Amino acid sequence: MSLKTKISAAEAWKLLPRLLFALVSSLTLVMVLGGLSGCGESVSKKAATFGSMDVTGAPWGQSFSLPDLDGKTITNQSFPGKVTAVFFGFLYCPDACPTHLTKMQDLKKRLGPDADRLQVVFITVDPERDKPEPLKKFLASFDPSFLGLRGSREQTDAISKDFRVYAKKVETSASKKDPMAYTIDHTTFTYVYDPKGALRLVVPHDLAMDTLEADVRTLLKQAQ
C-alpha cells in the first residue's frame, strides 16, 4: 500500500462511528423488510403499485400516540381523509431533517389542490433538548401545518423501538465542554399512513420527488 492510501489509526478511529452508523442503517432496512415476511403474497403484489417500500400489513408501526407541542394527544387516526407522513428527527439536526422538511414542503406544492390532504408529522428523538416553542418555530419555518410530536424519554424510546428507528447520541468536540452540544445519528425513513390511518409505505430518504408524489397521489386516489 502506498503512502497516499494509508489511513492512520487515529483517522480510522474517527471514521468508526460513521461506519457503524452505515451498518446499523443497513440492518434497519433489513429489519423493515424482514418484518414483512409474514405478510405473504399480497404484499409482494401490491409492491409493484408504489415506488416506495410497500409495508401494508407489517406487524410494527401500526399505530402511534404522542402529545403534540401543545400537549394534545395525536394518533395515526387523528387525520381522517389525509395521507400522513411521519419522520423521526431532532431540532438541531444539521442536514437530514432540514432536507426532509424541504422535500415535504415541495411535495405539498406539487399536490396543488390536494395539498391540504397531506399531513406532515415530525417526531423528535431528542425530547431533552427539543423544547416545544423552538421546535414549533422550526417546523413553521417550512410550513405552518407541519406538526411536531414530543413525548417523554420513555415514550420516545418505545415508539422508536416499535418503528425500528435507530437514534444514538454522538459526542462532538463541543460536547466535551457542553454536555448538551451532542448530535444524533438516526435513521431517515419516512413512514406514510393512508387516509384511513393504516401504515402503507416506508420512503427512503433519497427517493425521487416524482416517485414520492405519485405514491401519495395513489394513496389519495385509493381513498376516494
Protein backbone atom coordinates (compact mmCIF):
# COMPACT_ATOMS: atom_id res chain seq x y z
CA MET A 1 0.00 0.00 0.00
CA SER A 2 1.37 3.41 -0.95
CA LEU A 3 1.73 6.24 1.49
CA LYS A 4 -1.14 8.06 -0.25
CA THR A 5 -3.61 5.28 0.52
CA LYS A 6 -2.60 4.55 4.09
CA ILE A 7 -5.02 5.56 6.88
CA SER A 8 -3.62 6.22 10.30
CA ALA A 9 -5.06 4.54 13.35
CA ALA A 10 -6.37 7.92 14.56
CA GLU A 11 -8.16 8.59 11.27
CA ALA A 12 -9.65 5.11 11.26
CA TRP A 13 -10.92 5.65 14.81
CA LYS A 14 -12.63 8.89 13.73
CA LEU A 15 -14.33 7.07 10.85
CA LEU A 16 -15.55 4.20 13.03
CA PRO A 17 -18.80 5.85 14.30
CA ARG A 18 -19.86 6.68 10.75
CA LEU A 19 -19.09 3.19 9.54
CA LEU A 20 -21.09 1.73 12.40
CA PHE A 21 -23.99 4.06 11.64
CA ALA A 22 -23.98 2.96 7.99
CA LEU A 23 -24.01 -0.67 9.13
CA VAL A 24 -26.88 -0.09 11.55
CA SER A 25 -28.86 1.77 8.88
CA SER A 26 -28.43 -1.20 6.55
CA LEU A 27 -29.54 -3.57 9.30
CA THR A 28 -32.56 -1.36 9.99
CA LEU A 29 -33.59 -1.66 6.36
CA VAL A 30 -33.24 -5.42 6.59
CA MET A 31 -35.47 -5.45 9.69
CA VAL A 32 -38.03 -3.24 7.98
CA LEU A 33 -38.22 -5.62 5.05
CA GLY A 34 -37.93 -8.66 7.29
CA GLY A 35 -40.99 -7.54 9.21
CA LEU A 36 -42.99 -8.24 6.07
CA SER A 37 -42.03 -11.89 5.86
CA GLY A 38 -45.34 -12.94 7.33
CA CYS A 39 -47.43 -10.74 5.07
CA GLY A 40 -47.38 -13.22 2.23
CA GLU A 41 -48.00 -12.88 -1.46
CA SER A 42 -50.47 -10.00 -1.15
CA VAL A 43 -47.72 -7.57 -0.12
CA SER A 44 -45.39 -8.54 -2.96
CA LYS A 45 -48.19 -7.99 -5.48
CA LYS A 46 -49.01 -4.57 -4.07
CA ALA A 47 -45.33 -3.58 -4.10
CA ALA A 48 -45.49 -3.02 -7.87
CA THR A 49 -48.01 -0.21 -7.27
CA PHE A 50 -45.54 2.00 -5.42
CA GLY A 51 -42.02 3.30 -5.85
CA SER A 52 -41.62 3.36 -2.05
CA MET A 53 -41.42 0.20 0.06
CA ASP A 54 -44.95 -1.17 0.48
CA VAL A 55 -45.26 -2.32 4.09
CA THR A 56 -49.00 -2.88 4.13
CA GLY A 57 -49.79 -5.34 6.91
CA ALA A 58 -46.40 -5.08 8.62
CA PRO A 59 -46.52 -6.19 12.29
CA TRP A 60 -44.88 -2.95 13.52
CA GLY A 61 -45.61 0.77 13.33
CA GLN A 62 -49.35 0.19 13.04
CA SER A 63 -50.18 2.99 15.43
CA PHE A 64 -48.68 5.88 17.35
CA SER A 65 -49.90 8.10 20.18
CA LEU A 66 -47.85 11.05 21.41
CA PRO A 67 -48.51 14.59 22.66
CA ASP A 68 -48.07 17.43 20.22
CA LEU A 69 -46.23 20.61 21.17
CA ASP A 70 -49.35 21.95 22.92
CA GLY A 71 -49.86 18.76 24.91
CA LYS A 72 -52.74 17.39 22.81
CA THR A 73 -52.58 13.65 22.14
CA ILE A 74 -52.13 12.85 18.45
CA THR A 75 -52.53 9.38 16.94
CA ASN A 76 -52.43 7.86 13.47
CA GLN A 77 -56.24 8.22 13.46
CA SER A 78 -56.13 11.98 14.03
CA PHE A 79 -56.17 12.91 10.33
CA PRO A 80 -59.04 11.09 8.59
CA GLY A 81 -59.05 11.61 4.84
CA LYS A 82 -55.40 12.67 4.80
CA VAL A 83 -52.15 10.92 3.97
CA THR A 84 -49.86 11.26 7.00
CA ALA A 85 -46.08 11.36 6.55
CA VAL A 86 -44.17 10.64 9.78
CA PHE A 87 -40.47 11.39 10.21
CA PHE A 88 -38.19 10.96 13.25
CA GLY A 89 -35.59 13.66 13.79
CA PHE A 90 -34.42 16.47 16.05
CA LEU A 91 -34.30 20.26 16.10
CA TYR A 92 -30.52 20.63 15.88
CA CYS A 93 -30.13 18.14 13.02
CA PRO A 94 -27.67 19.73 10.55
CA ASP A 95 -28.75 18.08 7.31
CA ALA A 96 -31.18 15.13 7.09
CA CYS A 97 -34.06 16.81 8.92
CA PRO A 98 -34.00 20.13 7.05
CA THR A 99 -33.65 18.20 3.79
CA HIS A 100 -36.68 16.06 4.64
CA LEU A 101 -38.82 19.05 5.63
CA THR A 102 -37.84 20.87 2.45
CA LYS A 103 -38.94 17.82 0.44
CA MET A 104 -42.28 17.76 2.28
CA GLN A 105 -42.67 21.46 1.57
CA ASP A 106 -42.04 20.79 -2.12
CA LEU A 107 -44.40 17.80 -2.07
CA LYS A 108 -47.27 19.96 -0.77
CA LYS A 109 -46.68 22.44 -3.59
CA ARG A 110 -46.71 19.62 -6.13
CA LEU A 111 -50.00 18.31 -4.81
CA GLY A 112 -51.72 21.59 -5.63
CA PRO A 113 -55.43 21.36 -4.71
CA ASP A 114 -54.70 18.20 -2.71
CA ALA A 115 -52.01 19.85 -0.56
CA ASP A 116 -54.32 20.02 2.46
CA ARG A 117 -54.76 16.24 2.26
CA LEU A 118 -51.14 15.71 3.30
CA GLN A 119 -50.25 15.95 6.99
CA VAL A 120 -46.56 16.06 7.87
CA VAL A 121 -45.67 14.82 11.37
CA PHE A 122 -42.22 15.28 12.92
CA ILE A 123 -41.44 13.13 15.98
CA THR A 124 -38.44 14.31 17.97
CA VAL A 125 -35.95 11.69 19.10
CA ASP A 126 -34.37 14.33 21.36
CA PRO A 127 -37.06 15.42 23.86
CA GLU A 128 -34.42 16.54 26.36
CA ARG A 129 -33.26 19.41 24.13
CA ASP A 130 -36.20 19.94 21.77
CA LYS A 131 -38.44 22.26 23.75
CA PRO A 132 -41.94 22.95 22.35
CA GLU A 133 -41.65 26.60 21.32
CA PRO A 134 -38.32 26.39 19.43
CA LEU A 135 -39.49 23.21 17.69
CA LYS A 136 -42.77 24.90 16.71
CA LYS A 137 -40.89 27.80 15.14
CA PHE A 138 -38.52 25.45 13.32
CA LEU A 139 -41.35 23.45 11.75
CA ALA A 140 -43.42 26.53 10.94
CA SER A 141 -40.46 27.97 9.01
CA PHE A 142 -41.11 25.21 6.46
CA ASP A 143 -44.91 25.08 6.65
CA PRO A 144 -47.40 26.20 9.33
CA SER A 145 -49.26 22.89 9.05
CA PHE A 146 -46.25 20.72 9.92
CA LEU A 147 -46.94 19.14 13.29
CA GLY A 148 -44.34 18.26 15.93
CA LEU A 149 -44.76 15.46 18.48
CA ARG A 150 -42.70 15.32 21.65
CA GLY A 151 -43.06 12.53 24.18
CA SER A 152 -41.18 11.64 27.33
CA ARG A 153 -37.90 9.77 27.02
CA GLU A 154 -39.77 6.54 27.81
CA GLN A 155 -42.41 7.23 25.16
CA THR A 156 -39.75 8.18 22.62
CA ASP A 157 -37.77 5.00 23.24
CA ALA A 158 -40.91 2.88 22.98
CA ILE A 159 -42.11 4.33 19.68
CA SER A 160 -38.59 4.23 18.24
CA LYS A 161 -38.40 0.54 19.08
CA ASP A 162 -41.79 -0.16 17.53
CA PHE A 163 -40.88 1.66 14.30
CA ARG A 164 -37.38 0.11 14.09
CA VAL A 165 -35.90 3.60 14.35
CA TYR A 166 -32.20 3.91 15.18
CA ALA A 167 -31.24 7.01 17.14
CA LYS A 168 -27.98 7.37 19.06
CA LYS A 169 -26.28 10.34 20.68
CA VAL A 170 -22.84 11.12 19.27
CA GLU A 171 -20.35 13.24 21.16
CA THR A 172 -18.77 16.18 19.34
CA SER A 173 -15.72 18.31 20.04
CA ALA A 174 -18.05 20.95 21.51
CA SER A 175 -19.79 18.44 23.80
CA LYS A 176 -16.55 18.00 25.75
CA LYS A 177 -17.22 21.43 27.21
CA ASP A 178 -21.02 21.49 26.86
CA PRO A 179 -22.76 18.14 27.51
CA MET A 180 -25.79 19.36 25.54
CA ALA A 181 -23.78 20.00 22.38
CA TYR A 182 -24.04 16.41 21.13
CA THR A 183 -25.52 15.41 17.80
CA ILE A 184 -27.65 12.35 16.97
CA ASP A 185 -27.26 9.73 14.27
CA HIS A 186 -30.69 8.48 13.25
CA THR A 187 -32.50 6.61 10.53
CA THR A 188 -34.09 8.78 7.87
CA PHE A 189 -37.07 6.83 6.57
CA THR A 190 -40.49 8.46 6.23
CA TYR A 191 -43.45 6.36 7.37
CA VAL A 192 -46.61 7.01 5.35
CA TYR A 193 -50.14 6.29 6.53
CA ASP A 194 -53.14 6.20 4.22
CA PRO A 195 -56.29 8.31 4.78
CA LYS A 196 -57.75 5.55 6.97
CA GLY A 197 -54.77 5.66 9.33
CA ALA A 198 -53.09 2.44 8.19
CA LEU A 199 -49.32 2.24 7.69
CA ARG A 200 -48.70 1.66 4.00
CA LEU A 201 -45.26 2.87 2.90
CA VAL A 202 -41.70 3.37 4.08
CA VAL A 203 -39.97 6.02 1.99
CA PRO A 204 -36.17 6.06 1.60
CA HIS A 205 -34.58 9.44 2.18
CA ASP A 206 -33.27 9.68 -1.38
CA LEU A 207 -36.45 8.65 -3.21
CA ALA A 208 -37.08 10.82 -6.25
CA MET A 209 -39.73 13.50 -5.76
CA ASP A 210 -41.69 12.40 -8.82
CA THR A 211 -41.94 8.91 -7.37
CA LEU A 212 -42.94 10.15 -3.92
CA GLU A 213 -45.61 12.41 -5.39
CA ALA A 214 -47.01 9.53 -7.44
CA ASP A 215 -47.13 7.28 -4.36
CA VAL A 216 -49.01 9.87 -2.30
CA ARG A 217 -51.46 10.50 -5.13
CA THR A 218 -52.08 6.77 -5.39
CA LEU A 219 -52.97 6.58 -1.69
CA LEU A 220 -55.26 9.59 -2.00
CA LYS A 221 -56.96 8.09 -5.04
CA GLN A 222 -57.47 4.75 -3.27
CA ALA A 223 -59.37 6.57 -0.53
CA GLN A 224 -61.90 8.05 -2.91
